[in-house]
């Protein structure tokens, strides 16, 4: 039986599986780009991935935001308090460690991190507490998982590596909040996929103001910028910086989204 069960907004740790697997080596949990590392993977969200919407990165409807069904919830060690939101990972079933009945050979799937798989302290790391620290673990959308695994396997050992994200169009911004609290969701980020720092500037100022990560891929500022033309400066986790001049026009309202023409 599959391990995946979804909770509103945040992925719950899978429970009730009778399989037992060896814990992955904590020394290999850092997701270095282009380096194959060991982990395990389960799935959730249903055959159409409809129950993967929302999530701890804040992307909302993953279909309309362009992420589709190739997504995953990351365990604590990979999620990094939301800093991994938007990162892309190539994943393959590890045939050297897997039961060959449950492993599809010669295929990989690339997923984007859109959710968090929280730990389950009530279960041991190697028997149900798959997302407990220090385990690297991917709870993948079911359609993505079934590219590399056989449904009845439930959990499989995998090899993974961080890879550049390939996105259509430019980086997108959605503004929520209220006066003196601007909450900006950054999505559709290519290359590194994840953002290290973000600044904001209004049309009536020459000064950039630093923003803070609020949760997931959402960043906030505490200035009253309502209705002003806005620019953003983003630095991704690879250290590359882009400036999105006047990407938000004058007269905007909370709840609106804005697509840029720039991409990393």
Protein backbone atom coordinates (compact mmCIF):
# COMPACT_ATOMS: atom_id res chain seq x y z
CA UNK A 1 0.00 0.00 0.00
CA UNK A 2 1.21 3.58 -0.62
CA UNK A 3 2.50 5.55 2.29
CA UNK A 4 1.19 8.90 1.17
CA UNK A 5 -1.58 10.68 3.02
CA UNK A 6 -2.08 14.43 2.60
CA UNK A 7 -3.02 17.03 5.19
CA UNK A 8 -4.19 20.53 4.37
CA UNK A 9 -1.25 22.70 3.44
CA UNK A 10 1.54 20.65 4.97
CA UNK A 11 2.55 17.10 4.19
CA UNK A 12 2.12 14.66 7.06
CA UNK A 13 4.68 11.93 7.61
CA UNK A 14 3.66 8.58 6.21
CA UNK A 15 2.74 5.89 8.69
CA UNK A 16 1.73 2.29 8.89
CA UNK A 17 4.19 0.65 6.48
CA UNK A 18 5.57 -2.72 7.46
CA UNK A 19 8.70 -2.31 5.39
CA UNK A 20 11.95 -1.58 7.20
CA UNK A 21 14.91 0.12 5.53
CA UNK A 22 18.37 1.13 6.64
CA UNK A 23 18.86 4.78 7.54
CA UNK A 24 20.69 6.83 4.95
CA UNK A 25 24.13 8.15 5.74
CA UNK A 26 23.73 11.59 7.38
CA UNK A 27 27.04 12.68 5.91
CA UNK A 28 25.51 12.57 2.41
CA UNK A 29 22.44 14.71 3.07
CA UNK A 30 23.75 18.03 1.74
CA UNK A 31 22.13 18.42 -1.70
CA UNK A 32 25.19 19.40 -3.72
CA UNK A 33 24.44 20.13 -7.39
CA UNK A 34 25.25 17.33 -9.86
CA UNK A 35 26.41 14.90 -7.14
CA UNK A 36 24.42 11.67 -6.78
CA UNK A 37 23.42 11.00 -3.18
CA UNK A 38 21.31 8.39 -1.40
CA UNK A 39 17.80 8.82 -0.01
CA UNK A 40 14.41 7.13 0.04
CA UNK A 41 11.12 8.12 -1.57
CA UNK A 42 7.42 7.63 -0.87
CA UNK A 43 4.40 9.21 -2.56
CA UNK A 44 1.23 11.13 -1.77
CA UNK A 45 -1.50 13.20 -3.35
CA UNK A 46 -3.43 10.65 -5.41
CA UNK A 47 -3.05 9.41 -8.96
CA UNK A 48 -3.86 12.87 -10.35
CA UNK A 49 -1.77 14.71 -7.72
CA UNK A 50 -4.83 16.78 -6.82
CA UNK A 51 -4.07 16.52 -3.10
CA UNK A 52 -0.60 18.05 -3.46
CA UNK A 53 -2.01 21.56 -3.88
CA UNK A 54 -0.98 24.23 -1.39
CA UNK A 55 1.96 23.13 0.68
CA UNK A 56 4.64 24.60 2.89
CA UNK A 57 6.27 26.64 0.11
CA UNK A 58 3.07 28.60 -0.53
CA UNK A 59 2.81 28.09 -4.29
CA UNK A 60 -0.93 27.38 -4.08
CA UNK A 61 -2.33 25.70 -7.19
CA UNK A 62 0.66 23.83 -8.55
CA UNK A 63 -0.99 23.34 -11.93
CA UNK A 64 -1.72 27.02 -12.61
CA UNK A 65 1.70 27.99 -11.23
CA UNK A 66 3.42 25.71 -13.75
CA UNK A 67 4.75 23.01 -11.40
CA UNK A 68 2.26 20.33 -12.39
CA UNK A 69 2.65 16.81 -11.01
CA UNK A 70 6.46 16.71 -10.92
CA UNK A 71 6.77 17.87 -7.32
CA UNK A 72 7.92 16.60 -3.92
CA UNK A 73 7.73 17.30 -0.21
CA UNK A 74 11.19 17.31 1.40
CA UNK A 75 12.26 16.02 4.79
CA UNK A 76 13.65 18.44 7.38
CA UNK A 77 17.30 18.04 6.42
CA UNK A 78 16.53 18.86 2.76
CA UNK A 79 13.77 21.46 3.25
CA UNK A 80 16.07 23.71 5.30
CA UNK A 81 13.29 25.85 6.80
CA UNK A 82 11.97 26.70 3.35
CA UNK A 83 15.28 27.71 1.77
CA UNK A 84 14.96 24.73 -0.61
CA UNK A 85 11.59 25.81 -1.99
CA UNK A 86 11.75 25.80 -5.77
CA UNK A 87 14.88 23.66 -6.06
CA UNK A 88 14.90 20.86 -8.62
CA UNK A 89 16.08 17.30 -8.11
CA UNK A 90 16.69 14.46 -10.53
CA UNK A 91 15.71 11.16 -8.90
CA UNK A 92 16.21 7.52 -9.89
CA UNK A 93 15.32 4.29 -8.16
CA UNK A 94 18.48 2.78 -6.68
CA UNK A 95 18.51 -0.75 -8.09
CA UNK A 96 21.49 -1.75 -5.97
CA UNK A 97 19.45 -1.23 -2.80
CA UNK A 98 15.89 -1.79 -4.05
CA UNK A 99 13.78 -4.89 -4.48
CA UNK A 100 13.88 -5.24 -8.29
CA UNK A 101 10.14 -5.90 -8.30
CA UNK A 102 9.49 -2.33 -7.17
CA UNK A 103 12.14 -0.45 -9.17
CA UNK A 104 11.77 0.79 -12.76
CA UNK A 105 15.23 0.59 -14.33
CA UNK A 106 16.89 3.11 -16.60
CA UNK A 107 14.57 6.07 -15.93
CA UNK A 108 14.80 9.29 -13.94
CA UNK A 109 12.30 11.98 -13.02
CA UNK A 110 12.96 15.62 -12.16
CA UNK A 111 10.82 17.20 -9.45
CA UNK A 112 10.52 20.63 -7.87
CA UNK A 113 10.45 21.08 -4.09
CA UNK A 114 7.04 22.52 -3.23
CA UNK A 115 6.22 21.10 0.21
CA UNK A 116 7.57 19.90 3.55
CA UNK A 117 7.39 16.36 4.92
CA UNK A 118 7.48 16.85 8.71
CA UNK A 119 9.06 14.38 11.11
CA UNK A 120 6.98 11.85 13.01
CA UNK A 121 8.62 11.40 16.39
CA UNK A 122 6.17 8.64 17.31
CA UNK A 123 7.76 6.27 14.79
CA UNK A 124 11.40 5.19 14.38
CA UNK A 125 13.47 6.63 11.55
CA UNK A 126 13.77 3.28 9.81
CA UNK A 127 10.15 2.17 10.19
CA UNK A 128 7.56 4.83 9.42
CA UNK A 129 9.41 7.99 10.49
CA UNK A 130 10.83 8.38 7.03
CA UNK A 131 11.09 12.18 7.22
CA UNK A 132 12.71 12.27 10.66
CA UNK A 133 16.12 14.00 10.91
CA UNK A 134 18.73 13.28 9.75
CA UNK A 135 17.12 11.28 6.92
CA UNK A 136 17.06 12.77 3.41
CA UNK A 137 13.64 11.82 2.06
CA UNK A 138 11.36 12.73 -0.84
CA UNK A 139 7.60 12.34 -0.49
CA UNK A 140 6.82 12.71 -4.17
CA UNK A 141 3.59 13.44 -6.00
CA UNK A 142 2.28 10.03 -6.99
CA UNK A 143 2.54 10.53 -10.80
CA UNK A 144 6.20 11.53 -10.42
CA UNK A 145 7.00 8.62 -8.08
CA UNK A 146 5.41 6.11 -10.43
CA UNK A 147 7.85 7.15 -13.15
CA UNK A 148 10.56 5.37 -11.16
CA UNK A 149 8.76 3.00 -8.77
CA UNK A 150 6.04 0.35 -8.79
CA UNK A 151 2.91 1.37 -6.86
CA UNK A 152 2.72 -1.52 -4.44
CA UNK A 153 6.32 -0.97 -3.33
CA UNK A 154 5.26 2.05 -1.23
CA UNK A 155 8.81 3.14 -0.42
CA UNK A 156 11.97 2.75 -2.49
CA UNK A 157 15.63 3.66 -2.06
CA UNK A 158 16.67 6.34 -4.54
CA UNK A 159 19.64 8.24 -5.84
CA UNK A 160 19.18 11.99 -6.26
CA UNK A 161 21.06 15.06 -7.38
CA UNK A 162 20.23 18.74 -7.51
CA UNK A 163 19.91 20.00 -11.07
CA UNK A 164 19.13 23.38 -12.66
CA UNK A 165 15.44 24.20 -12.93
CA UNK A 166 14.11 24.80 -16.44
CA UNK A 167 11.09 27.12 -16.40
CA UNK A 168 8.93 28.72 -19.08
CA UNK A 169 8.66 32.49 -18.94
CA UNK A 170 10.00 34.82 -16.32
CA UNK A 171 10.00 34.91 -12.52
CA UNK A 172 6.57 35.63 -11.03
CA UNK A 173 5.51 37.68 -8.02
CA UNK A 174 2.23 37.55 -6.09
CA UNK A 175 1.54 40.21 -3.45
CA UNK A 176 -0.58 39.51 -0.40
CA UNK A 177 -0.81 41.14 3.03
CA UNK A 178 -2.01 44.63 3.92
CA UNK A 179 -0.67 48.14 4.53
CA UNK A 180 2.72 47.98 6.28
CA UNK A 181 2.94 44.24 5.60
CA UNK A 182 3.78 43.20 2.05
CA UNK A 183 3.97 39.41 1.61
CA UNK A 184 5.47 38.54 -1.77
CA UNK A 185 5.45 35.01 -3.16
CA UNK A 186 8.30 34.37 -5.62
CA UNK A 187 7.64 31.53 -8.05
CA UNK A 188 8.70 30.06 -11.39
CA UNK A 189 12.38 30.57 -10.60
CA UNK A 190 14.79 28.93 -13.03
CA UNK A 191 18.41 27.78 -12.59
CA UNK A 192 19.01 27.35 -8.84
CA UNK A 193 15.24 27.52 -8.29
CA UNK A 194 15.60 28.92 -4.77
CA UNK A 195 16.12 32.44 -3.48
CA UNK A 196 18.79 33.43 -0.94
CA UNK A 197 17.87 37.10 -0.45
CA UNK A 198 15.35 39.63 -1.71
CA UNK A 199 15.10 43.43 -1.68
CA UNK A 200 12.28 45.80 -2.60
CA UNK A 201 12.21 49.41 -3.83
CA UNK A 202 9.33 51.75 -4.58
CA UNK A 203 9.22 54.28 -7.40
CA UNK A 204 9.43 57.19 -4.97
CA UNK A 205 12.69 56.02 -3.38
CA UNK A 206 16.26 55.33 -4.47
CA UNK A 207 16.92 52.95 -1.61
CA UNK A 208 16.60 49.19 -1.64
CA UNK A 209 14.98 47.72 1.48
CA UNK A 210 15.86 44.16 2.50
CA UNK A 211 13.00 41.68 2.78
CA UNK A 212 12.89 38.69 5.12
CA UNK A 213 11.78 35.15 4.39
CA UNK A 214 8.41 34.81 6.08
CA UNK A 215 7.62 31.19 5.21
CA UNK A 216 8.39 28.95 2.28
CA UNK A 217 8.86 31.04 -0.84
CA UNK A 218 7.13 34.07 0.72
CA UNK A 219 9.13 37.18 1.63
CA UNK A 220 7.88 40.22 3.54
CA UNK A 221 8.61 43.89 4.13
CA UNK A 222 7.07 46.15 6.78
CA UNK A 223 6.89 49.40 4.83
CA UNK A 224 3.71 51.02 3.53
CA UNK A 225 4.13 50.53 -0.23
CA UNK A 226 0.48 50.02 -1.14
CA UNK A 227 -0.26 51.04 -4.72
CA UNK A 228 3.27 52.23 -5.48
CA UNK A 229 5.27 51.01 -8.48
CA UNK A 230 7.65 48.36 -7.16
CA UNK A 231 10.97 46.80 -8.14
CA UNK A 232 12.56 43.66 -6.72
CA UNK A 233 16.17 42.52 -6.47
CA UNK A 234 16.67 38.78 -6.09
CA UNK A 235 19.81 36.81 -5.35
CA UNK A 236 19.47 33.08 -5.86
CA UNK A 237 21.24 30.39 -3.85
CA UNK A 238 23.92 30.17 -6.53
CA UNK A 239 24.82 33.81 -5.85
CA UNK A 240 23.40 35.29 -9.06
CA UNK A 241 21.44 38.55 -8.79
CA UNK A 242 18.70 39.94 -11.03
CA UNK A 243 16.91 43.28 -10.76
CA UNK A 244 13.24 43.39 -11.77
CA UNK A 245 12.69 47.09 -12.38
CA UNK A 246 9.11 48.35 -12.08
CA UNK A 247 7.72 44.83 -12.39
CA UNK A 248 4.70 45.83 -10.26
CA UNK A 249 2.82 48.79 -11.79
CA UNK A 250 1.37 51.71 -9.89
CA UNK A 251 -2.11 51.11 -8.52
CA UNK A 252 -1.75 47.40 -7.78
CA UNK A 253 -3.94 45.62 -5.24
CA UNK A 254 -3.23 42.87 -2.74
CA UNK A 255 -3.86 39.43 -4.21
CA UNK A 256 -2.56 40.33 -7.66
CA UNK A 257 0.19 38.42 -9.50
CA UNK A 258 2.80 39.85 -11.84
CA UNK A 259 4.94 38.00 -14.36
CA UNK A 260 8.33 39.38 -15.33
CA UNK A 261 10.25 38.89 -18.56
CA UNK A 262 13.48 38.06 -16.72
CA UNK A 263 14.72 34.63 -15.74
CA UNK A 264 17.88 33.37 -14.05
